[in-house]
Amino acid sequence: RRLLKAFRGAVRKGRARAVVDEIQDLAFAFYDGR
């Protein structure tokens, strides 16, 4: 669910690189240094 929400938000930015960056930032923020 979180991945899908992140993907839907990121894909609006247009570029594949933006999708990767957005998902990476959100996922690693969620992991919170674990």
Full PDB file with SEQRES, HELIX, SHEET, SSBOND, CRYST1, ORIGX, SCALE, CONECT and MASTER records, all heavy atoms in Angstrom:
SEQRES   1 A   34  ARG ARG LEU LEU LYS ALA PHE ARG GLY ALA VAL ARG LYS          
SEQRES   2 A   34  GLY ARG ALA ARG ALA VAL VAL ASP GLU ILE GLN ASP LEU          
SEQRES   3 A   34  ALA PHE ALA PHE TYR ASP GLY ARG                              
HELIX    1 AA1 ARG A    2  VAL A   11  1                                  10    
HELIX    2 AA2 ALA A   16  TYR A   31  1                                  16    
CRYST1    1.000    1.000    1.000  90.00  90.00  90.00 P 1           1          
ORIGX1      1.000000  0.000000  0.000000        0.00000                         
ORIGX2      0.000000  1.000000  0.000000        0.00000                         
ORIGX3      0.000000  0.000000  1.000000        0.00000                         
SCALE1      1.000000  0.000000  0.000000        0.00000                         
SCALE2      0.000000  1.000000  0.000000        0.00000                         
SCALE3      0.000000  0.000000  1.000000        0.00000                         
ATOM      1  N   ARG A   1       0.829  -1.220   0.000  1.00  0.00           N  
ATOM      2  CA  ARG A   1       0.000   0.000   0.000  1.00  0.00           C  
ATOM      3  C   ARG A   1       0.852   1.254   0.000  1.00  0.00           C  
ATOM      4  O   ARG A   1       0.583   2.185  -0.744  1.00  0.00           O  
ATOM      5  CB  ARG A   1      -0.931   0.023   1.205  1.00  0.00           C  
ATOM      6  CG  ARG A   1      -2.143  -0.805   1.028  1.00  0.00           C  
ATOM      7  CD  ARG A   1      -3.139  -0.524   2.127  1.00  0.00           C  
ATOM      8  NE  ARG A   1      -4.263  -1.412   1.955  1.00  0.00           N  
ATOM      9  CZ  ARG A   1      -4.979  -1.891   2.924  1.00  0.00           C  
ATOM     10  NH1 ARG A   1      -4.714  -1.550   4.169  1.00  0.00           N  
ATOM     11  NH2 ARG A   1      -5.984  -2.705   2.678  1.00  0.00           N  
ATOM     12  N   ARG A   2       1.869   1.272   0.845  1.00  0.00           N  
ATOM     13  CA  ARG A   2       2.750   2.443   0.884  1.00  0.00           C  
ATOM     14  C   ARG A   2       3.507   2.574  -0.430  1.00  0.00           C  
ATOM     15  O   ARG A   2       3.703   3.679  -0.933  1.00  0.00           O  
ATOM     16  CB  ARG A   2       3.705   2.351   2.065  1.00  0.00           C  
ATOM     17  CG  ARG A   2       3.043   2.620   3.390  1.00  0.00           C  
ATOM     18  CD  ARG A   2       4.078   2.632   4.523  1.00  0.00           C  
ATOM     19  NE  ARG A   2       3.441   2.809   5.798  1.00  0.00           N  
ATOM     20  CZ  ARG A   2       3.019   1.820   6.592  1.00  0.00           C  
ATOM     21  NH1 ARG A   2       3.202   0.571   6.223  1.00  0.00           N  
ATOM     22  NH2 ARG A   2       2.455   2.064   7.753  1.00  0.00           N  
ATOM     23  N   LEU A   3       3.959   1.437  -0.974  1.00  0.00           N  
ATOM     24  CA  LEU A   3       4.661   1.477  -2.255  1.00  0.00           C  
ATOM     25  C   LEU A   3       3.752   2.027  -3.345  1.00  0.00           C  
ATOM     26  O   LEU A   3       4.156   2.895  -4.115  1.00  0.00           O  
ATOM     27  CB  LEU A   3       5.166   0.089  -2.647  1.00  0.00           C  
ATOM     28  CG  LEU A   3       5.772  -0.024  -4.051  1.00  0.00           C  
ATOM     29  CD1 LEU A   3       6.951   0.919  -4.234  1.00  0.00           C  
ATOM     30  CD2 LEU A   3       6.168  -1.454  -4.341  1.00  0.00           C  
ATOM     31  N   LEU A   4       2.527   1.542  -3.415  1.00  0.00           N  
ATOM     32  CA  LEU A   4       1.594   2.002  -4.445  1.00  0.00           C  
ATOM     33  C   LEU A   4       1.300   3.494  -4.299  1.00  0.00           C  
ATOM     34  O   LEU A   4       1.284   4.232  -5.283  1.00  0.00           O  
ATOM     35  CB  LEU A   4       0.298   1.196  -4.397  1.00  0.00           C  
ATOM     36  CG  LEU A   4      -0.718   1.491  -5.490  1.00  0.00           C  
ATOM     37  CD1 LEU A   4      -0.115   1.325  -6.879  1.00  0.00           C  
ATOM     38  CD2 LEU A   4      -1.937   0.587  -5.331  1.00  0.00           C  
ATOM     39  N   LYS A   5       1.111   3.951  -3.083  1.00  0.00           N  
ATOM     40  CA  LYS A   5       0.865   5.381  -2.847  1.00  0.00           C  
ATOM     41  C   LYS A   5       2.080   6.210  -3.285  1.00  0.00           C  
ATOM     42  O   LYS A   5       1.942   7.237  -3.950  1.00  0.00           O  
ATOM     43  CB  LYS A   5       0.558   5.623  -1.372  1.00  0.00           C  
ATOM     44  CG  LYS A   5       0.219   7.053  -1.057  1.00  0.00           C  
ATOM     45  CD  LYS A   5      -0.139   7.224   0.407  1.00  0.00           C  
ATOM     46  CE  LYS A   5      -0.447   8.675   0.700  1.00  0.00           C  
ATOM     47  NZ  LYS A   5      -0.767   8.896   2.113  1.00  0.00           N  
ATOM     48  N   ALA A   6       3.270   5.751  -2.923  1.00  0.00           N  
ATOM     49  CA  ALA A   6       4.497   6.455  -3.314  1.00  0.00           C  
ATOM     50  C   ALA A   6       4.659   6.458  -4.827  1.00  0.00           C  
ATOM     51  O   ALA A   6       5.018   7.471  -5.426  1.00  0.00           O  
ATOM     52  CB  ALA A   6       5.712   5.809  -2.652  1.00  0.00           C  
ATOM     53  N   PHE A   7       4.386   5.310  -5.456  1.00  0.00           N  
ATOM     54  CA  PHE A   7       4.511   5.200  -6.915  1.00  0.00           C  
ATOM     55  C   PHE A   7       3.536   6.153  -7.613  1.00  0.00           C  
ATOM     56  O   PHE A   7       3.920   6.872  -8.524  1.00  0.00           O  
ATOM     57  CB  PHE A   7       4.257   3.755  -7.346  1.00  0.00           C  
ATOM     58  CG  PHE A   7       4.300   3.551  -8.833  1.00  0.00           C  
ATOM     59  CD1 PHE A   7       5.503   3.583  -9.512  1.00  0.00           C  
ATOM     60  CD2 PHE A   7       3.133   3.338  -9.549  1.00  0.00           C  
ATOM     61  CE1 PHE A   7       5.551   3.404 -10.892  1.00  0.00           C  
ATOM     62  CE2 PHE A   7       3.168   3.151 -10.918  1.00  0.00           C  
ATOM     63  CZ  PHE A   7       4.384   3.182 -11.587  1.00  0.00           C  
ATOM     64  N   ARG A   8       2.292   6.155  -7.178  1.00  0.00           N  
ATOM     65  CA  ARG A   8       1.294   7.034  -7.803  1.00  0.00           C  
ATOM     66  C   ARG A   8       1.679   8.508  -7.677  1.00  0.00           C  
ATOM     67  O   ARG A   8       1.495   9.274  -8.609  1.00  0.00           O  
ATOM     68  CB  ARG A   8      -0.080   6.796  -7.189  1.00  0.00           C  
ATOM     69  CG  ARG A   8      -0.703   5.509  -7.657  1.00  0.00           C  
ATOM     70  CD  ARG A   8      -2.051   5.286  -7.033  1.00  0.00           C  
ATOM     71  NE  ARG A   8      -2.689   4.106  -7.585  1.00  0.00           N  
ATOM     72  CZ  ARG A   8      -3.631   3.424  -6.983  1.00  0.00           C  
ATOM     73  NH1 ARG A   8      -4.076   3.802  -5.789  1.00  0.00           N  
ATOM     74  NH2 ARG A   8      -4.157   2.363  -7.554  1.00  0.00           N  
ATOM     75  N   GLY A   9       2.207   8.892  -6.539  1.00  0.00           N  
ATOM     76  CA  GLY A   9       2.643  10.278  -6.362  1.00  0.00           C  
ATOM     77  C   GLY A   9       3.863  10.596  -7.201  1.00  0.00           C  
ATOM     78  O   GLY A   9       3.942  11.654  -7.829  1.00  0.00           O  
ATOM     79  N   ALA A  10       4.809   9.685  -7.243  1.00  0.00           N  
ATOM     80  CA  ALA A  10       6.061   9.917  -7.958  1.00  0.00           C  
ATOM     81  C   ALA A  10       5.878   9.906  -9.460  1.00  0.00           C  
ATOM     82  O   ALA A  10       6.534  10.667 -10.173  1.00  0.00           O  
ATOM     83  CB  ALA A  10       7.091   8.871  -7.549  1.00  0.00           C  
ATOM     84  N   VAL A  11       4.991   9.056  -9.969  1.00  0.00           N  
ATOM     85  CA  VAL A  11       4.838   8.918 -11.413  1.00  0.00           C  
ATOM     86  C   VAL A  11       4.300  10.219 -12.030  1.00  0.00           C  
ATOM     87  O   VAL A  11       4.547  10.501 -13.201  1.00  0.00           O  
ATOM     88  CB  VAL A  11       3.968   7.690 -11.764  1.00  0.00           C  
ATOM     89  CG1 VAL A  11       2.486   7.970 -11.602  1.00  0.00           C  
ATOM     90  CG2 VAL A  11       4.274   7.186 -13.163  1.00  0.00           C  
ATOM     91  N   ARG A  12       3.633  11.015 -11.251  1.00  0.00           N  
ATOM     92  CA  ARG A  12       3.125  12.315 -11.743  1.00  0.00           C  
ATOM     93  C   ARG A  12       4.259  13.279 -12.089  1.00  0.00           C  
ATOM     94  O   ARG A  12       4.056  14.236 -12.819  1.00  0.00           O  
ATOM     95  CB  ARG A  12       2.209  12.944 -10.702  1.00  0.00           C  
ATOM     96  CG  ARG A  12       0.923  12.186 -10.518  1.00  0.00           C  
ATOM     97  CD  ARG A  12      -0.012  12.883  -9.543  1.00  0.00           C  
ATOM     98  NE  ARG A  12      -1.145  12.044  -9.284  1.00  0.00           N  
ATOM     99  CZ  ARG A  12      -1.436  11.518  -8.102  1.00  0.00           C  
ATOM    100  NH1 ARG A  12      -0.686  11.785  -7.054  1.00  0.00           N  
ATOM    101  NH2 ARG A  12      -2.484  10.744  -7.953  1.00  0.00           N  
ATOM    102  N   LYS A  13       5.432  13.018 -11.554  1.00  0.00           N  
ATOM    103  CA  LYS A  13       6.584  13.884 -11.814  1.00  0.00           C  
ATOM    104  C   LYS A  13       7.184  13.634 -13.191  1.00  0.00           C  
ATOM    105  O   LYS A  13       8.001  14.400 -13.657  1.00  0.00           O  
ATOM    106  CB  LYS A  13       7.631  13.714 -10.723  1.00  0.00           C  
ATOM    107  CG  LYS A  13       7.107  14.176  -9.384  1.00  0.00           C  
ATOM    108  CD  LYS A  13       8.117  14.022  -8.300  1.00  0.00           C  
ATOM    109  CE  LYS A  13       7.515  14.520  -6.995  1.00  0.00           C  
ATOM    110  NZ  LYS A  13       8.448  14.424  -5.895  1.00  0.00           N  
ATOM    111  N   GLY A  14       6.793  12.524 -13.816  1.00  0.00           N  
ATOM    112  CA  GLY A  14       7.150  12.295 -15.213  1.00  0.00           C  
ATOM    113  C   GLY A  14       8.322  11.401 -15.497  1.00  0.00           C  
ATOM    114  O   GLY A  14       8.193  10.468 -16.249  1.00  0.00           O  
ATOM    115  N   ARG A  15       9.444  11.639 -14.914  1.00  0.00           N  
ATOM    116  CA  ARG A  15      10.646  10.899 -15.279  1.00  0.00           C  
ATOM    117  C   ARG A  15      10.839   9.665 -14.408  1.00  0.00           C  
ATOM    118  O   ARG A  15      10.531   9.668 -13.225  1.00  0.00           O  
ATOM    119  CB  ARG A  15      11.859  11.793 -15.152  1.00  0.00           C  
ATOM    120  CG  ARG A  15      11.815  12.970 -16.117  1.00  0.00           C  
ATOM    121  CD  ARG A  15      13.040  13.793 -15.983  1.00  0.00           C  
ATOM    122  NE  ARG A  15      14.185  12.876 -16.046  1.00  0.00           N  
ATOM    123  CZ  ARG A  15      15.364  13.190 -16.492  1.00  0.00           C  
ATOM    124  NH1 ARG A  15      15.597  14.391 -16.930  1.00  0.00           N  
ATOM    125  NH2 ARG A  15      16.335  12.307 -16.506  1.00  0.00           N  
ATOM    126  N   ALA A  16      11.391   8.614 -14.991  1.00  0.00           N  
ATOM    127  CA  ALA A  16      11.661   7.385 -14.252  1.00  0.00           C  
ATOM    128  C   ALA A  16      12.619   7.658 -13.090  1.00  0.00           C  
ATOM    129  O   ALA A  16      12.476   7.099 -12.008  1.00  0.00           O  
ATOM    130  CB  ALA A  16      12.232   6.316 -15.181  1.00  0.00           C  
ATOM    131  N   ARG A  17      13.587   8.526 -13.302  1.00  0.00           N  
ATOM    132  CA  ARG A  17      14.550   8.864 -12.247  1.00  0.00           C  
ATOM    133  C   ARG A  17      13.836   9.470 -11.041  1.00  0.00           C  
ATOM    134  O   ARG A  17      14.170   9.178  -9.891  1.00  0.00           O  
ATOM    135  CB  ARG A  17      15.591   9.841 -12.791  1.00  0.00           C  
ATOM    136  CG  ARG A  17      16.609  10.275 -11.770  1.00  0.00           C  
ATOM    137  CD  ARG A  17      17.665   9.222 -11.644  1.00  0.00           C  
ATOM    138  NE  ARG A  17      17.784   8.826 -10.261  1.00  0.00           N  
ATOM    139  CZ  ARG A  17      18.590   7.879  -9.835  1.00  0.00           C  
ATOM    140  NH1 ARG A  17      19.319   7.190 -10.675  1.00  0.00           N  
ATOM    141  NH2 ARG A  17      18.671   7.576  -8.579  1.00  0.00           N  
ATOM    142  N   ALA A  18      12.831  10.317 -11.282  1.00  0.00           N  
ATOM    143  CA  ALA A  18      12.060  10.923 -10.197  1.00  0.00           C  
ATOM    144  C   ALA A  18      11.280   9.866  -9.422  1.00  0.00           C  
ATOM    145  O   ALA A  18      11.143   9.948  -8.203  1.00  0.00           O  
ATOM    146  CB  ALA A  18      11.121  11.992 -10.751  1.00  0.00           C  
ATOM    147  N   VAL A  19      10.775   8.858 -10.128  1.00  0.00           N  
ATOM    148  CA  VAL A  19      10.048   7.766  -9.483  1.00  0.00           C  
ATOM    149  C   VAL A  19      10.994   7.007  -8.544  1.00  0.00           C  
ATOM    150  O   VAL A  19      10.671   6.753  -7.381  1.00  0.00           O  
ATOM    151  CB  VAL A  19       9.413   6.823 -10.530  1.00  0.00           C  
ATOM    152  CG1 VAL A  19       8.839   5.583  -9.871  1.00  0.00           C  
ATOM    153  CG2 VAL A  19       8.347   7.554 -11.334  1.00  0.00           C  
ATOM    154  N   VAL A  20      12.167   6.662  -9.043  1.00  0.00           N  
ATOM    155  CA  VAL A  20      13.152   5.945  -8.225  1.00  0.00           C  
ATOM    156  C   VAL A  20      13.559   6.778  -7.014  1.00  0.00           C  
ATOM    157  O   VAL A  20      13.575   6.276  -5.883  1.00  0.00           O  
ATOM    158  CB  VAL A  20      14.385   5.566  -9.082  1.00  0.00           C  
ATOM    159  CG1 VAL A  20      15.537   5.081  -8.208  1.00  0.00           C  
ATOM    160  CG2 VAL A  20      14.006   4.513 -10.110  1.00  0.00           C  
ATOM    161  N   ASP A  21      13.875   8.038  -7.230  1.00  0.00           N  
ATOM    162  CA  ASP A  21      14.311   8.896  -6.126  1.00  0.00           C  
ATOM    163  C   ASP A  21      13.229   9.036  -5.060  1.00  0.00           C  
ATOM    164  O   ASP A  21      13.505   8.945  -3.856  1.00  0.00           O  
ATOM    165  CB  ASP A  21      14.716  10.275  -6.640  1.00  0.00           C  
ATOM    166  CG  ASP A  21      15.998  10.254  -7.456  1.00  0.00           C  
ATOM    167  OD1 ASP A  21      16.751   9.256  -7.373  1.00  0.00           O  
ATOM    168  OD2 ASP A  21      16.242  11.234  -8.183  1.00  0.00           O  
ATOM    169  N   GLU A  22      11.998   9.258  -5.484  1.00  0.00           N  
ATOM    170  CA  GLU A  22      10.886   9.448  -4.546  1.00  0.00           C  
ATOM    171  C   GLU A  22      10.631   8.184  -3.724  1.00  0.00           C  
ATOM    172  O   GLU A  22      10.481   8.241  -2.506  1.00  0.00           O  
ATOM    173  CB  GLU A  22       9.628   9.824  -5.323  1.00  0.00           C  
ATOM    174  CG  GLU A  22       8.414  10.049  -4.461  1.00  0.00           C  
ATOM    175  CD  GLU A  22       8.292  11.473  -3.963  1.00  0.00           C  
ATOM    176  OE1 GLU A  22       9.111  12.322  -4.352  1.00  0.00           O  
ATOM    177  OE2 GLU A  22       7.378  11.717  -3.175  1.00  0.00           O  
ATOM    178  N   ILE A  23      10.578   7.042  -4.386  1.00  0.00           N  
ATOM    179  CA  ILE A  23      10.340   5.787  -3.674  1.00  0.00           C  
ATOM    180  C   ILE A  23      11.490   5.487  -2.715  1.00  0.00           C  
ATOM    181  O   ILE A  23      11.271   5.092  -1.572  1.00  0.00           O  
ATOM    182  CB  ILE A  23      10.093   4.633  -4.663  1.00  0.00           C  
ATOM    183  CG1 ILE A  23       8.735   4.838  -5.347  1.00  0.00           C  
ATOM    184  CG2 ILE A  23      10.171   3.279  -3.971  1.00  0.00           C  
ATOM    185  CD1 ILE A  23       8.447   3.882  -6.475  1.00  0.00           C  
ATOM    186  N   GLN A  24      12.705   5.708  -3.158  1.00  0.00           N  
ATOM    187  CA  GLN A  24      13.856   5.476  -2.289  1.00  0.00           C  
ATOM    188  C   GLN A  24      13.789   6.362  -1.055  1.00  0.00           C  
ATOM    189  O   GLN A  24      13.962   5.895   0.073  1.00  0.00           O  
ATOM    190  CB  GLN A  24      15.155   5.730  -3.041  1.00  0.00           C  
ATOM    191  CG  GLN A  24      16.386   5.542  -2.177  1.00  0.00           C  
ATOM    192  CD  GLN A  24      17.662   5.735  -2.960  1.00  0.00           C  
ATOM    193  OE1 GLN A  24      17.810   5.168  -4.036  1.00  0.00           O  
ATOM    194  NE2 GLN A  24      18.562   6.517  -2.433  1.00  0.00           N  
ATOM    195  N   ASP A  25      13.524   7.648  -1.247  1.00  0.00           N  
ATOM    196  CA  ASP A  25      13.461   8.578  -0.114  1.00  0.00           C  
ATOM    197  C   ASP A  25      12.371   8.178   0.877  1.00  0.00           C  
ATOM    198  O   ASP A  25      12.600   8.160   2.092  1.00  0.00           O  
ATOM    199  CB  ASP A  25      13.208  10.006  -0.602  1.00  0.00           C  
ATOM    200  CG  ASP A  25      14.402  10.600  -1.344  1.00  0.00           C  
ATOM    201  OD1 ASP A  25      15.511  10.014  -1.300  1.00  0.00           O  
ATOM    202  OD2 ASP A  25      14.223  11.655  -1.980  1.00  0.00           O  
ATOM    203  N   LEU A  26      11.190   7.843   0.380  1.00  0.00           N  
ATOM    204  CA  LEU A  26      10.075   7.487   1.258  1.00  0.00           C  
ATOM    205  C   LEU A  26      10.305   6.158   1.977  1.00  0.00           C  
ATOM    206  O   LEU A  26      10.039   6.036   3.176  1.00  0.00           O  
ATOM    207  CB  LEU A  26       8.772   7.450   0.467  1.00  0.00           C  
ATOM    208  CG  LEU A  26       8.282   8.810  -0.033  1.00  0.00           C  
ATOM    209  CD1 LEU A  26       7.125   8.633  -1.009  1.00  0.00           C  
ATOM    210  CD2 LEU A  26       7.887   9.703   1.127  1.00  0.00           C  
ATOM    211  N   ALA A  27      10.811   5.161   1.251  1.00  0.00           N  
ATOM    212  CA  ALA A  27      11.051   3.857   1.867  1.00  0.00           C  
ATOM    213  C   ALA A  27      12.121   3.950   2.953  1.00  0.00           C  
ATOM    214  O   ALA A  27      11.926   3.461   4.071  1.00  0.00           O  
ATOM    215  CB  ALA A  27      11.456   2.831   0.813  1.00  0.00           C  
ATOM    216  N   PHE A  28      13.227   4.599   2.661  1.00  0.00           N  
ATOM    217  CA  PHE A  28      14.304   4.659   3.642  1.00  0.00           C  
ATOM    218  C   PHE A  28      13.948   5.561   4.819  1.00  0.00           C  
ATOM    219  O   PHE A  28      14.392   5.325   5.942  1.00  0.00           O  
ATOM    220  CB  PHE A  28      15.623   5.041   2.974  1.00  0.00           C  
ATOM    221  CG  PHE A  28      16.262   3.861   2.290  1.00  0.00           C  
ATOM    222  CD1 PHE A  28      15.862   3.474   1.022  1.00  0.00           C  
ATOM    223  CD2 PHE A  28      17.223   3.102   2.932  1.00  0.00           C  
ATOM    224  CE1 PHE A  28      16.408   2.365   0.397  1.00  0.00           C  
ATOM    225  CE2 PHE A  28      17.793   1.987   2.321  1.00  0.00           C  
ATOM    226  CZ  PHE A  28      17.386   1.623   1.051  1.00  0.00           C  
ATOM    227  N   ALA A  29      13.117   6.573   4.601  1.00  0.00           N  
ATOM    228  CA  ALA A  29      12.614   7.376   5.722  1.00  0.00           C  
ATOM    229  C   ALA A  29      11.733   6.499   6.615  1.00  0.00           C  
ATOM    230  O   ALA A  29      11.784   6.590   7.843  1.00  0.00           O  
ATOM    231  CB  ALA A  29      11.837   8.583   5.211  1.00  0.00           C  
ATOM    232  N   PHE A  30      10.922   5.639   6.011  1.00  0.00           N  
ATOM    233  CA  PHE A  30      10.066   4.734   6.770  1.00  0.00           C  
ATOM    234  C   PHE A  30      10.900   3.748   7.581  1.00  0.00           C  
ATOM    235  O   PHE A  30      10.603   3.472   8.741  1.00  0.00           O  
ATOM    236  CB  PHE A  30       9.126   3.972   5.827  1.00  0.00           C  
ATOM    237  CG  PHE A  30       8.233   3.002   6.543  1.00  0.00           C  
ATOM    238  CD1 PHE A  30       7.056   3.427   7.132  1.00  0.00           C  
ATOM    239  CD2 PHE A  30       8.573   1.661   6.628  1.00  0.00           C  
ATOM    240  CE1 PHE A  30       6.236   2.528   7.800  1.00  0.00           C  
ATOM    241  CE2 PHE A  30       7.752   0.753   7.292  1.00  0.00           C  
ATOM    242  CZ  PHE A  30       6.583   1.201   7.879  1.00  0.00           C  
ATOM    243  N   TYR A  31      11.967   3.194   6.985  1.00  0.00           N  
ATOM    244  CA  TYR A  31      12.829   2.245   7.700  1.00  0.00           C  
ATOM    245  C   TYR A  31      13.504   2.933   8.889  1.00  0.00           C  
ATOM    246  O   TYR A  31      13.898   2.278   9.843  1.00  0.00           O  
ATOM    247  CB  TYR A  31      13.905   1.650   6.790  1.00  0.00           C  
ATOM    248  CG  TYR A  31      13.411   0.971   5.531  1.00  0.00           C  
ATOM    249  CD1 TYR A  31      14.203   0.966   4.388  1.00  0.00           C  
ATOM    250  CD2 TYR A  31      12.175   0.347   5.449  1.00  0.00           C  
ATOM    251  CE1 TYR A  31      13.780   0.350   3.219  1.00  0.00           C  
ATOM    252  CE2 TYR A  31      11.746  -0.271   4.289  1.00  0.00           C  
ATOM    253  CZ  TYR A  31      12.553  -0.262   3.174  1.00  0.00           C  
ATOM    254  OH  TYR A  31      12.141  -0.865   2.007  1.00  0.00           O  
ATOM    255  N   ASP A  32      13.646   4.249   8.826  1.00  0.00           N  
ATOM    256  CA  ASP A  32      14.115   5.084   9.934  1.00  0.00           C  
ATOM    257  C   ASP A  32      15.456   4.631  10.500  1.00  0.00           C  
ATOM    258  O   ASP A  32      15.634   4.506  11.712  1.00  0.00           O  
ATOM    259  CB  ASP A  32      13.050   5.121  11.032  1.00  0.00           C  
ATOM    260  CG  ASP A  32      13.324   6.192  12.079  1.00  0.00           C  
ATOM    261  OD1 ASP A  32      13.970   7.206  11.750  1.00  0.00           O  
ATOM    262  OD2 ASP A  32      12.897   6.003  13.233  1.00  0.00           O  
ATOM    263  N   GLY A  33      16.390   4.336   9.613  1.00  0.00           N  
ATOM    264  CA  GLY A  33      17.733   3.984  10.042  1.00  0.00           C  
ATOM    265  C   GLY A  33      17.891   2.563  10.559  1.00  0.00           C  
ATOM    266  O   GLY A  33      18.978   2.176  10.975  1.00  0.00           O  
ATOM    267  N   ARG A  34      16.827   1.787  10.538  1.00  0.00           N  
ATOM    268  CA  ARG A  34      16.906   0.394  10.989  1.00  0.00           C  
ATOM    269  C   ARG A  34      17.744  -0.402   9.999  1.00  0.00           C  
ATOM    270  O   ARG A  34      17.699  -0.168   8.795  1.00  0.00           O  
ATOM    271  CB  ARG A  34      15.507  -0.200  11.081  1.00  0.00           C  
ATOM    272  CG  ARG A  34      15.514  -1.597  11.634  1.00  0.00           C  
ATOM    273  CD  ARG A  34      14.189  -1.951  12.261  1.00  0.00           C  
ATOM    274  NE  ARG A  34      14.334  -3.195  12.997  1.00  0.00           N  
ATOM    275  CZ  ARG A  34      13.635  -4.282  12.754  1.00  0.00           C  
ATOM    276  NH1 ARG A  34      12.707  -4.273  11.821  1.00  0.00           N  
ATOM    277  NH2 ARG A  34      13.820  -5.368  13.454  1.00  0.00           N  
TER     278      ARG A  34                                                      
MASTER        0    0    0    2    0    0    0    6  277    1    0    3          
END                                                                             
